[in-house]
């Protein structure tokens, strides 16, 4: 996945945010 597809300033150490993004697919 590309960071360009993510909301701005997502903290990649925030696992809840990361998994929510990955689950959104």
N, C-alpha and C. Protein backbone atom coordinates (compact mmCIF):
# COMPACT_ATOMS: atom_id res chain seq x y z
N UNK A 1 0.84 -1.20 0.00
CA UNK A 1 0.00 0.00 0.00
C UNK A 1 0.87 1.24 0.00
N UNK A 2 0.31 2.31 -0.47
CA UNK A 2 1.06 3.56 -0.63
C UNK A 2 0.64 4.57 0.42
N UNK A 3 1.62 5.30 0.95
CA UNK A 3 1.30 6.33 1.94
C UNK A 3 0.40 7.40 1.34
N UNK A 4 0.43 7.54 0.03
CA UNK A 4 -0.42 8.54 -0.62
C UNK A 4 -1.91 8.20 -0.45
N UNK A 5 -2.20 6.92 -0.16
CA UNK A 5 -3.58 6.50 0.01
C UNK A 5 -4.08 6.71 1.43
N UNK A 6 -3.17 7.07 2.32
CA UNK A 6 -3.53 7.18 3.73
C UNK A 6 -3.90 8.60 4.10
N UNK A 7 -4.62 8.70 5.22
CA UNK A 7 -4.87 10.03 5.77
C UNK A 7 -3.54 10.69 6.11
N UNK A 8 -3.48 12.01 6.07
CA UNK A 8 -2.24 12.71 6.41
C UNK A 8 -1.78 12.38 7.82
N UNK A 9 -0.47 12.28 7.98
CA UNK A 9 0.18 12.21 9.29
C UNK A 9 -0.25 11.00 10.12
N UNK A 10 -0.53 9.89 9.46
CA UNK A 10 -0.79 8.66 10.21
C UNK A 10 0.49 8.23 10.90
N UNK A 11 0.38 7.96 12.19
CA UNK A 11 1.53 7.51 12.96
C UNK A 11 1.68 6.00 12.81
N UNK A 12 2.70 5.56 12.10
CA UNK A 12 2.88 4.13 11.85
C UNK A 12 3.21 3.35 13.11
N UNK A 13 3.47 4.05 14.22
CA UNK A 13 3.63 3.37 15.50
C UNK A 13 2.29 3.19 16.21
N UNK A 14 1.25 3.81 15.65
CA UNK A 14 -0.09 3.67 16.22
C UNK A 14 -0.73 2.44 15.58
N UNK A 15 -0.57 1.30 16.23
CA UNK A 15 -0.98 0.04 15.62
C UNK A 15 -2.49 0.00 15.35
N UNK A 16 -3.28 0.61 16.20
CA UNK A 16 -4.72 0.64 15.94
C UNK A 16 -5.02 1.35 14.63
N UNK A 17 -4.34 2.46 14.40
CA UNK A 17 -4.55 3.20 13.16
C UNK A 17 -4.06 2.39 11.96
N UNK A 18 -2.88 1.79 12.11
CA UNK A 18 -2.32 0.99 11.01
C UNK A 18 -3.26 -0.16 10.65
N UNK A 19 -3.72 -0.90 11.65
CA UNK A 19 -4.59 -2.04 11.36
C UNK A 19 -5.94 -1.60 10.82
N UNK A 20 -6.44 -0.46 11.27
CA UNK A 20 -7.70 0.06 10.73
C UNK A 20 -7.55 0.38 9.25
N UNK A 21 -6.40 0.96 8.89
CA UNK A 21 -6.13 1.28 7.49
C UNK A 21 -5.99 0.00 6.67
N UNK A 22 -5.23 -0.96 7.18
CA UNK A 22 -5.04 -2.22 6.46
C UNK A 22 -6.36 -2.96 6.30
N UNK A 23 -7.20 -2.94 7.34
CA UNK A 23 -8.47 -3.63 7.29
C UNK A 23 -9.41 -2.96 6.29
N UNK A 24 -9.29 -1.65 6.17
CA UNK A 24 -10.07 -0.88 5.20
C UNK A 24 -9.71 -1.30 3.79
N UNK A 25 -8.45 -1.70 3.61
CA UNK A 25 -7.95 -2.27 2.37
C UNK A 25 -8.12 -1.41 1.16
